[in-house]
Amino acid sequence: MAVRDKLGTRPMYYSQLQTGILFSTELKEILPYIGHPTIRPHELAQPIRHNYPIEPQHTWINQIMRLCDGEYAIVDDEGLHTHTYFRRDYTPTFSGSKEQAIQQTLGLLRESVRKCIENSPGPIAVPLSGGLDSTSIALFAKEMQQEVHVFSAGYRGNKDKNRIDERDVAKRFANDYGLIYHDVELDVEDFQKYLDELIPYLDEPSFDVNCMVQYALFKKVADMGFKTILHGAGGDDCFYASKESQRLVKILQLRNQFIHLYPAKKHKKEYLSFVWRHWKHLLWPTDAAIVSEKNPTPWTYEPYNKFAKTATLINGNDEIKFRDLYVEYHYPQHENVITHYGDLFSNYVALMCAYLENKLCAANGLEIRFPFLDPELVTFLDTLPLSMKFDPQQPKLFQREIMAGLLPDYILDAKKRGFEPPFEFIWKMCGEYKYKRIKADYVFFNSMMADRIIDNLL
């Protein structure tokens, strides 16, 4: 019997071999037992386009599958059978007040941090960005133990005022709340070495241009003797942070309303009123599978198209032409805010964020824990009415309400910022890279990483 956790924060792979069925938490551990592994073209191309796998069961290797989140497998004389033991229920069953919801969420988050700290192997470190998620974790950790070490990173010699550097806010918060602050300077000149060290640990096409930055930070944390990282992954998706997702969901909801007005002759008045109020949105495609071919990751749309125009890969006796592969993200016909964020959990959070953070830490001998990805916390948030936990105009409003009075205003009111990737280094690295397994005229970060993973594993 093999089990994957409820929210999919740890992968579970399996392969049905002639001699039996093999399970592992690492895809690369199964590969040596497969005689002639072959590539699933769509499951390779889609994460190159979107940064992470969007197919929950099939991996990029034909002979290897994943258990889905909340699923277990049993093997008997008749073979392998998969069963679902946990499925998120978004029914708004909570009947208490807003204040009761805040207090209960606060209690669950505190308890999740306590469980993450409990029985940790050695000293704990919290990467501190100065955002809501990392400061909340550090604050609750401080409530539970005397010494809490926090780390914030910046680039060595950074004089560019336009480049995001989170250290000033992080250091201010650490000083105000009695945290032990560590300033980590990263040297971009080391990133090529770090990437070379990291590649053997990666076995899935999940790509983040900041992976060298995170690897470098975790390496320095490990060198200082820390063993466990408390990480804020999942906070944005628990508390509805993505403006891009909110805009997309609005378009999807309008599309569904528009579809229900057909035939227009029967709903003439409502149809004309809808067109008058929402004519701008009607310029978008109304096909449920498209919405916009640039979504949900518009920043990789142009680079992928340049790559796919000439990209090919030999796969057994076949030649994969990337321009012929379907890479658009499929949106369910009745997508809404709740189901959209649920999909993000199963794909983006589980198959990129948690996957990559686990690999980056494991490569440095660290254990990582995610307080926001606690099943009890997530399950309770699922029971809250949407109007209580979601405001389309103010991302993460409910989280701010939870932390009001606990975190300072300069944290609560700050605009969301992301750590600046080392773009100059990445462009230079891609410009110098020569494909080993893929043939293409254009190189961008995701295609380079895919080529290196393929070459390393196959």
Protein backbone atom coordinates (compact mmCIF):
# COMPACT_ATOMS: atom_id res chain seq x y z
CA MET A 1 0.00 0.00 0.00
CA ALA A 2 1.24 3.52 -0.86
CA VAL A 3 -0.33 6.83 0.16
CA ARG A 4 0.05 10.42 -1.00
CA ASP A 5 -0.68 13.14 1.55
CA LYS A 6 -4.01 14.99 1.50
CA LEU A 7 -2.75 18.17 -0.21
CA GLY A 8 -0.05 16.61 -2.36
CA THR A 9 2.90 18.38 -0.73
CA ARG A 10 5.01 15.25 -1.23
CA PRO A 11 4.93 13.31 -4.52
CA MET A 12 4.31 9.58 -4.78
CA TYR A 13 5.30 7.90 -8.06
CA TYR A 14 4.71 4.37 -9.26
CA SER A 15 5.48 2.19 -12.24
CA GLN A 16 3.95 -1.14 -13.22
CA LEU A 17 6.89 -3.31 -14.21
CA GLN A 18 6.90 -6.91 -15.47
CA THR A 19 8.30 -8.03 -12.13
CA GLY A 20 5.90 -6.02 -10.00
CA ILE A 21 4.91 -2.48 -9.05
CA LEU A 22 7.49 -0.02 -7.81
CA PHE A 23 6.67 3.02 -5.63
CA SER A 24 8.93 5.92 -4.74
CA THR A 25 8.77 9.54 -3.64
CA GLU A 26 11.36 10.32 -6.33
CA LEU A 27 10.83 9.76 -10.04
CA LYS A 28 14.57 9.32 -10.65
CA GLU A 29 14.67 6.35 -8.26
CA ILE A 30 12.26 4.42 -10.49
CA LEU A 31 13.92 5.24 -13.83
CA PRO A 32 16.83 2.73 -13.55
CA TYR A 33 14.31 -0.14 -13.36
CA ILE A 34 12.66 0.83 -16.66
CA GLY A 35 14.38 -0.71 -19.63
CA HIS A 36 13.67 1.92 -22.26
CA PRO A 37 11.86 4.94 -20.77
CA THR A 38 10.04 7.14 -23.28
CA ILE A 39 8.72 10.68 -23.01
CA ARG A 40 5.10 11.78 -22.92
CA PRO A 41 5.28 14.80 -25.27
CA HIS A 42 2.41 16.85 -23.80
CA GLU A 43 3.53 16.29 -20.23
CA LEU A 44 6.97 17.60 -21.16
CA ALA A 45 5.81 20.54 -23.29
CA GLN A 46 3.11 21.89 -20.98
CA PRO A 47 5.39 22.59 -17.98
CA ILE A 48 7.98 24.15 -20.31
CA ARG A 49 5.18 26.50 -21.34
CA HIS A 50 3.55 27.03 -17.91
CA ASN A 51 6.46 26.42 -15.47
CA TYR A 52 4.86 23.40 -13.79
CA PRO A 53 3.02 20.15 -14.69
CA ILE A 54 -0.71 20.57 -15.21
CA GLU A 55 -1.54 16.88 -15.56
CA PRO A 56 -2.02 15.39 -12.07
CA GLN A 57 -1.59 11.67 -12.88
CA HIS A 58 0.74 11.34 -15.87
CA THR A 59 4.37 12.35 -15.52
CA TRP A 60 6.64 13.28 -18.43
CA ILE A 61 7.82 9.64 -18.50
CA ASN A 62 5.37 7.23 -20.17
CA GLN A 63 6.07 4.40 -17.75
CA ILE A 64 5.75 6.43 -14.52
CA MET A 65 2.55 7.75 -12.95
CA ARG A 66 1.72 9.86 -9.90
CA LEU A 67 -0.79 9.23 -7.18
CA CYS A 68 -3.04 12.29 -6.96
CA ASP A 69 -3.32 14.27 -3.74
CA GLY A 70 -5.54 12.49 -1.22
CA GLU A 71 -5.15 9.15 -3.00
CA TYR A 72 -3.76 5.75 -2.02
CA ALA A 73 -2.90 2.60 -3.95
CA ILE A 74 -3.34 -1.04 -3.00
CA VAL A 75 -1.66 -3.91 -4.82
CA ASP A 76 -3.22 -7.39 -4.76
CA ASP A 77 -3.28 -10.48 -6.98
CA GLU A 78 -5.34 -8.60 -9.57
CA GLY A 79 -2.93 -5.66 -9.82
CA LEU A 80 -2.94 -2.06 -8.65
CA HIS A 81 -6.06 -0.22 -7.50
CA THR A 82 -6.18 3.48 -6.59
CA HIS A 83 -8.69 4.98 -4.17
CA THR A 84 -9.45 8.49 -2.94
CA TYR A 85 -9.44 8.88 0.83
CA PHE A 86 -9.60 12.70 0.93
CA ARG A 87 -11.23 15.22 -1.35
CA ARG A 88 -11.60 18.91 -0.57
CA ASP A 89 -15.20 19.95 0.06
CA TYR A 90 -15.86 23.61 -0.69
CA THR A 91 -19.39 23.60 0.76
CA PRO A 92 -19.70 26.72 2.99
CA THR A 93 -20.88 24.96 6.15
CA PHE A 94 -19.45 27.44 8.69
CA SER A 95 -22.30 29.29 10.42
CA GLY A 96 -20.37 31.43 12.92
CA SER A 97 -19.54 35.11 12.82
CA LYS A 98 -16.59 36.74 11.01
CA GLU A 99 -14.82 37.24 14.35
CA GLN A 100 -15.28 33.55 15.21
CA ALA A 101 -13.86 32.58 11.82
CA ILE A 102 -10.84 34.84 12.41
CA GLN A 103 -10.16 33.40 15.86
CA GLN A 104 -10.52 29.80 14.68
CA THR A 105 -8.24 30.38 11.70
CA LEU A 106 -5.71 32.06 13.98
CA GLY A 107 -5.79 29.08 16.34
CA LEU A 108 -5.30 26.59 13.50
CA LEU A 109 -2.40 28.55 12.05
CA ARG A 110 -0.70 28.77 15.45
CA GLU A 111 -1.22 25.04 15.95
CA SER A 112 0.21 24.30 12.49
CA VAL A 113 3.37 26.27 13.30
CA ARG A 114 3.64 24.40 16.61
CA LYS A 115 3.40 21.03 14.83
CA CYS A 116 6.04 22.12 12.31
CA ILE A 117 8.42 23.06 15.13
CA GLU A 118 7.70 19.95 17.18
CA ASN A 119 10.27 17.19 16.81
CA SER A 120 12.26 19.19 14.28
CA PRO A 121 15.76 17.78 13.69
CA GLY A 122 17.94 20.57 15.06
CA PRO A 123 17.74 24.37 14.92
CA ILE A 124 14.96 26.06 12.88
CA ALA A 125 15.29 28.89 10.38
CA VAL A 126 12.57 31.03 8.77
CA PRO A 127 13.32 32.70 5.40
CA LEU A 128 11.94 36.21 5.98
CA SER A 129 10.79 38.28 3.03
CA GLY A 130 8.90 40.96 4.91
CA GLY A 131 5.59 39.75 3.50
CA LEU A 132 2.50 38.56 5.35
CA ASP A 133 3.23 34.85 5.10
CA SER A 134 6.82 34.71 6.34
CA THR A 135 6.31 37.32 9.07
CA SER A 136 3.24 35.46 10.39
CA ILE A 137 5.20 32.21 10.61
CA ALA A 138 8.14 33.93 12.34
CA LEU A 139 5.80 35.65 14.79
CA PHE A 140 4.06 32.43 15.83
CA ALA A 141 7.38 30.58 16.04
CA LYS A 142 8.63 33.30 18.40
CA GLU A 143 5.58 32.77 20.63
CA MET A 144 6.61 29.14 21.07
CA GLN A 145 10.35 29.30 21.59
CA GLN A 146 12.96 31.76 22.81
CA GLU A 147 15.28 31.73 19.84
CA VAL A 148 13.94 32.12 16.30
CA HIS A 149 16.46 32.70 13.54
CA VAL A 150 15.35 34.47 10.37
CA PHE A 151 17.21 34.94 7.09
CA SER A 152 16.82 37.47 4.34
CA ALA A 153 18.82 37.61 1.12
CA GLY A 154 20.07 40.26 -1.25
CA TYR A 155 22.60 40.48 -4.03
CA ARG A 156 26.20 41.42 -3.31
CA GLY A 157 27.00 44.90 -4.51
CA ASN A 158 23.35 45.73 -5.21
CA LYS A 159 23.23 49.48 -5.84
CA ASP A 160 20.23 49.52 -8.14
CA LYS A 161 17.34 51.20 -6.32
CA ASN A 162 14.89 49.73 -8.83
CA ARG A 163 15.85 46.15 -7.92
CA ILE A 164 13.73 44.65 -5.18
CA ASP A 165 15.68 43.94 -2.00
CA GLU A 166 13.61 42.81 0.99
CA ARG A 167 16.31 43.01 3.65
CA ASP A 168 15.49 46.45 5.10
CA VAL A 169 11.89 45.53 5.94
CA ALA A 170 12.87 42.06 7.16
CA LYS A 171 15.57 43.45 9.43
CA ARG A 172 13.22 46.08 10.85
CA PHE A 173 10.61 43.41 11.66
CA ALA A 174 13.23 41.12 13.22
CA ASN A 175 14.52 43.92 15.46
CA ASP A 176 10.99 44.96 16.48
CA TYR A 177 9.95 41.41 17.45
CA GLY A 178 13.13 40.00 18.98
CA LEU A 179 14.09 37.64 16.16
CA ILE A 180 17.70 36.74 15.46
CA TYR A 181 18.36 38.24 12.06
CA HIS A 182 20.88 36.94 9.50
CA ASP A 183 21.69 38.98 6.42
CA VAL A 184 22.70 36.74 3.50
CA GLU A 185 24.50 38.23 0.54
CA LEU A 186 24.31 36.23 -2.67
CA ASP A 187 26.90 36.45 -5.42
CA VAL A 188 25.46 36.03 -8.92
CA GLU A 189 28.85 34.73 -10.03
CA ASP A 190 28.18 31.58 -7.97
CA PHE A 191 24.83 30.78 -9.59
CA GLN A 192 26.16 28.68 -12.47
CA LYS A 193 27.93 26.42 -9.96
CA TYR A 194 24.78 26.23 -7.83
CA LEU A 195 22.65 25.30 -10.83
CA ASP A 196 25.09 22.55 -11.79
CA GLU A 197 24.87 21.19 -8.23
CA LEU A 198 21.07 21.33 -8.24
CA ILE A 199 20.33 19.63 -11.59
CA PRO A 200 20.96 16.03 -10.35
CA TYR A 201 18.28 16.52 -7.68
CA LEU A 202 15.55 17.55 -10.15
CA ASP A 203 13.47 14.90 -11.87
CA GLU A 204 10.34 16.83 -12.89
CA PRO A 205 9.99 19.71 -15.36
CA SER A 206 9.05 22.33 -12.76
CA PHE A 207 10.78 25.65 -13.36
CA ASP A 208 11.34 28.79 -11.33
CA VAL A 209 13.88 31.40 -12.40
CA ASN A 210 14.61 32.04 -8.71
CA CYS A 211 15.68 28.45 -8.00
CA MET A 212 19.40 29.38 -7.93
CA VAL A 213 18.64 32.19 -5.47
CA GLN A 214 16.68 29.87 -3.17
CA TYR A 215 19.30 27.14 -3.48
CA ALA A 216 22.05 29.61 -2.58
CA LEU A 217 20.09 30.86 0.45
CA PHE A 218 19.37 27.34 1.70
CA LYS A 219 23.01 26.38 1.18
CA LYS A 220 24.18 29.22 3.41
CA VAL A 221 21.50 28.39 6.01
CA ALA A 222 22.68 24.76 6.09
CA ASP A 223 26.32 25.85 6.36
CA MET A 224 25.38 27.75 9.53
CA GLY A 225 24.14 24.53 11.14
CA PHE A 226 20.36 24.81 10.71
CA LYS A 227 18.39 21.65 9.94
CA THR A 228 14.76 22.73 9.42
CA ILE A 229 13.14 25.46 7.32
CA LEU A 230 9.64 26.84 8.00
CA HIS A 231 8.41 28.10 4.65
CA GLY A 232 5.40 30.23 3.65
CA ALA A 233 4.43 28.29 0.51
CA GLY A 234 0.66 28.05 0.12
CA GLY A 235 -0.19 31.26 1.96
CA ASP A 236 -1.11 33.10 -1.23
CA ASP A 237 -3.44 30.31 -2.29
CA CYS A 238 -5.07 29.82 1.11
CA PHE A 239 -5.93 33.52 1.26
CA TYR A 240 -6.61 34.42 -2.40
CA ALA A 241 -3.62 36.59 -3.27
CA SER A 242 -3.36 36.43 -7.05
CA LYS A 243 -4.70 39.46 -8.92
CA GLU A 244 -4.18 37.60 -12.19
CA SER A 245 -6.35 34.74 -10.93
CA GLN A 246 -9.06 37.13 -9.75
CA ARG A 247 -9.15 38.84 -13.14
CA LEU A 248 -9.25 35.50 -14.90
CA VAL A 249 -12.03 34.16 -12.70
CA LYS A 250 -14.10 37.28 -13.38
CA ILE A 251 -13.78 36.66 -17.11
CA LEU A 252 -14.74 33.01 -16.66
CA GLN A 253 -17.78 33.92 -14.60
CA LEU A 254 -18.90 36.50 -17.15
CA ARG A 255 -18.44 33.95 -19.89
CA ASN A 256 -20.68 31.45 -18.06
CA GLN A 257 -23.34 34.12 -17.57
CA PHE A 258 -23.13 35.00 -21.25
CA ILE A 259 -23.52 31.38 -22.34
CA HIS A 260 -26.67 31.01 -20.21
CA LEU A 261 -28.30 33.91 -22.08
CA TYR A 262 -28.48 31.86 -25.28
CA PRO A 263 -30.60 31.65 -27.32
CA ALA A 264 -30.66 35.47 -27.30
CA LYS A 265 -34.22 35.61 -28.70
CA LYS A 266 -35.56 34.11 -25.48
CA HIS A 267 -33.56 36.45 -23.24
CA LYS A 268 -33.47 39.56 -25.41
CA LYS A 269 -33.74 42.12 -22.59
CA GLU A 270 -31.18 40.39 -20.34
CA TYR A 271 -28.91 39.77 -23.32
CA LEU A 272 -28.84 43.42 -24.42
CA SER A 273 -28.32 44.57 -20.83
CA PHE A 274 -25.40 42.17 -20.38
CA VAL A 275 -23.76 43.27 -23.64
CA TRP A 276 -24.14 46.94 -22.68
CA ARG A 277 -22.54 46.41 -19.25
CA HIS A 278 -19.79 43.99 -20.24
CA TRP A 279 -18.96 44.66 -23.89
CA LYS A 280 -15.22 44.98 -23.18
CA HIS A 281 -15.07 41.49 -21.72
CA LEU A 282 -16.94 40.06 -24.68
CA LEU A 283 -13.89 40.80 -26.79
CA TRP A 284 -12.30 37.83 -25.02
CA PRO A 285 -12.92 34.34 -26.46
CA THR A 286 -15.84 32.56 -24.81
CA ASP A 287 -14.52 29.04 -25.39
CA ALA A 288 -14.13 27.31 -22.01
CA ALA A 289 -10.86 25.72 -23.05
CA ILE A 290 -9.19 28.95 -24.13
CA VAL A 291 -10.33 32.15 -22.38
CA SER A 292 -6.92 33.50 -23.36
CA GLU A 293 -4.09 31.33 -24.62
CA LYS A 294 -1.67 33.48 -22.60
CA ASN A 295 -3.20 32.42 -19.26
CA PRO A 296 -2.43 31.40 -16.59
CA THR A 297 1.28 32.21 -17.13
CA PRO A 298 1.42 35.08 -19.65
CA TRP A 299 5.12 35.76 -18.97
CA THR A 300 6.17 32.50 -20.68
CA TYR A 301 3.86 32.88 -23.69
CA GLU A 302 6.27 34.65 -26.07
CA PRO A 303 9.44 32.74 -25.02
CA TYR A 304 7.72 29.39 -25.42
CA ASN A 305 6.35 30.26 -28.88
CA LYS A 306 9.82 31.32 -30.05
CA PHE A 307 11.22 28.05 -28.72
CA ALA A 308 8.45 25.79 -30.07
CA LYS A 309 8.67 27.25 -33.58
CA THR A 310 11.80 25.20 -34.34
CA ALA A 311 12.09 22.83 -31.35
CA THR A 312 12.26 19.05 -31.84
CA LEU A 313 13.25 16.10 -29.68
CA ILE A 314 13.93 12.47 -30.62
CA ASN A 315 11.71 10.21 -28.50
CA GLY A 316 12.36 6.53 -29.26
CA ASN A 317 11.61 6.15 -32.95
CA ASP A 318 9.57 9.37 -33.08
CA GLU A 319 10.49 12.99 -33.50
CA ILE A 320 8.57 15.38 -31.24
CA LYS A 321 7.75 18.71 -32.88
CA PHE A 322 6.84 21.09 -30.07
CA ARG A 323 4.83 23.39 -32.36
CA ASP A 324 2.35 20.52 -32.89
CA LEU A 325 1.71 19.94 -29.18
CA TYR A 326 -1.30 21.26 -27.26
CA VAL A 327 -0.01 23.38 -24.41
CA GLU A 328 -3.00 25.58 -23.48
CA TYR A 329 -4.37 25.31 -19.97
CA HIS A 330 -7.87 23.81 -19.93
CA TYR A 331 -10.37 25.68 -17.76
CA PRO A 332 -13.41 23.73 -16.54
CA GLN A 333 -16.68 25.04 -17.96
CA HIS A 334 -18.00 26.18 -14.58
CA GLU A 335 -14.76 27.54 -13.15
CA ASN A 336 -15.17 29.93 -10.23
CA VAL A 337 -12.96 31.49 -7.57
CA ILE A 338 -13.01 28.47 -5.26
CA THR A 339 -12.46 25.76 -7.88
CA HIS A 340 -9.79 27.86 -9.57
CA TYR A 341 -7.75 28.14 -6.38
CA GLY A 342 -8.37 24.45 -5.73
CA ASP A 343 -6.82 23.70 -9.12
CA LEU A 344 -3.87 25.92 -8.23
CA PHE A 345 -3.32 23.85 -5.08
CA SER A 346 -3.19 20.60 -7.03
CA ASN A 347 -0.93 21.96 -9.75
CA TYR A 348 1.04 25.11 -8.95
CA VAL A 349 1.36 24.68 -5.16
CA ALA A 350 1.93 20.91 -5.10
CA LEU A 351 3.79 20.31 -8.37
CA MET A 352 5.96 23.41 -8.38
CA CYS A 353 6.18 25.29 -5.07
CA ALA A 354 6.25 22.35 -2.66
CA TYR A 355 8.12 20.12 -5.13
CA LEU A 356 10.90 22.63 -5.78
CA GLU A 357 11.27 23.74 -2.16
CA ASN A 358 11.58 20.11 -1.09
CA LYS A 359 14.27 19.47 -3.71
CA LEU A 360 16.19 22.66 -2.91
CA CYS A 361 16.26 21.80 0.79
CA ALA A 362 17.05 18.11 0.28
CA ALA A 363 20.02 19.09 -1.89
CA ASN A 364 21.41 20.95 1.13
CA GLY A 365 20.53 18.36 3.79
CA LEU A 366 17.61 20.42 5.13
CA GLU A 367 14.06 19.44 6.03
CA ILE A 368 11.31 21.86 4.99
CA ARG A 369 7.87 22.28 6.56
CA PHE A 370 4.90 24.30 5.31
CA PRO A 371 2.60 25.71 8.04
CA PHE A 372 0.07 27.05 5.51
CA LEU A 373 -0.30 23.61 3.92
CA ASP A 374 -1.76 22.00 7.04
CA PRO A 375 -4.83 19.92 6.08
CA GLU A 376 -6.84 21.04 9.12
CA LEU A 377 -6.23 24.71 8.31
CA VAL A 378 -7.04 24.30 4.62
CA THR A 379 -10.13 22.18 5.35
CA PHE A 380 -11.50 24.79 7.75
CA LEU A 381 -10.91 27.64 5.27
CA ASP A 382 -12.84 25.61 2.69
CA THR A 383 -15.93 25.69 4.95
CA LEU A 384 -16.05 29.51 5.12
CA PRO A 385 -18.47 31.41 2.88
CA LEU A 386 -16.67 32.98 -0.06
CA SER A 387 -17.82 36.47 0.92
CA MET A 388 -16.13 36.05 4.31
CA LYS A 389 -12.69 35.07 3.02
CA PHE A 390 -12.47 36.68 -0.42
CA ASP A 391 -12.59 40.28 -1.61
CA PRO A 392 -11.99 40.78 -5.36
CA GLN A 393 -10.67 44.30 -4.75
CA GLN A 394 -8.27 43.49 -1.90
CA PRO A 395 -6.15 40.33 -2.19
CA LYS A 396 -5.52 38.54 1.12
CA LEU A 397 -7.94 40.83 3.00
CA PHE A 398 -9.03 37.98 5.28
CA GLN A 399 -5.41 37.21 6.19
CA ARG A 400 -4.83 40.87 7.01
CA GLU A 401 -7.89 40.83 9.23
CA ILE A 402 -6.56 37.74 11.00
CA MET A 403 -3.16 39.32 11.65
CA ALA A 404 -4.44 42.82 12.52
CA GLY A 405 -3.07 43.82 15.92
CA LEU A 406 -0.39 41.12 15.73
CA LEU A 407 1.69 42.41 12.84
CA PRO A 408 2.71 46.06 12.37
CA ASP A 409 1.07 48.30 9.78
CA TYR A 410 4.24 48.43 7.67
CA ILE A 411 3.74 44.69 7.08
CA LEU A 412 -0.07 44.63 6.88
CA ASP A 413 -0.31 47.56 4.46
CA ALA A 414 2.70 46.75 2.30
CA LYS A 415 2.20 45.92 -1.36
CA LYS A 416 3.09 42.40 -2.35
CA ARG A 417 6.59 42.15 -3.76
CA GLY A 418 8.58 39.26 -5.13
CA PHE A 419 12.32 38.74 -4.88
CA GLU A 420 14.00 39.97 -8.05
CA PRO A 421 15.36 37.06 -10.15
CA PRO A 422 18.90 37.43 -11.53
CA PHE A 423 17.63 38.20 -15.04
CA GLU A 424 20.95 39.46 -16.44
CA PHE A 425 22.63 36.22 -15.40
CA ILE A 426 19.77 34.11 -16.79
CA TRP A 427 19.78 35.87 -20.18
CA LYS A 428 23.55 35.46 -20.41
CA MET A 429 23.37 31.80 -19.39
CA CYS A 430 20.62 31.04 -21.92
CA GLY A 431 22.50 32.92 -24.64
CA GLU A 432 25.56 30.73 -24.10
CA TYR A 433 23.71 27.41 -23.64
CA LYS A 434 24.01 24.67 -26.26
CA TYR A 435 21.21 22.08 -26.31
CA LYS A 436 22.20 18.47 -25.70
CA ARG A 437 18.94 16.59 -26.36
CA ILE A 438 16.57 19.20 -27.75
CA LYS A 439 17.14 20.89 -31.11
CA ALA A 440 15.92 24.50 -31.31
CA ASP A 441 17.05 27.92 -32.47
CA TYR A 442 15.89 29.69 -29.32
CA VAL A 443 16.80 29.08 -25.67
CA PHE A 444 14.92 30.37 -22.64
CA PHE A 445 15.17 29.31 -19.01
CA ASN A 446 12.49 26.60 -19.08
CA SER A 447 13.71 24.98 -22.30
CA MET A 448 17.30 25.00 -21.02
CA MET A 449 16.27 23.37 -17.73
CA ALA A 450 14.15 20.75 -19.53
CA ASP A 451 17.08 19.86 -21.79
CA ARG A 452 19.42 19.52 -18.80
CA ILE A 453 16.94 17.32 -16.88
CA ILE A 454 16.38 15.07 -19.91
CA ASP A 455 20.11 14.76 -20.53
CA ASN A 456 20.82 14.00 -16.87
CA LEU A 457 18.10 11.35 -16.47
CA LEU A 458 17.85 9.72 -19.90
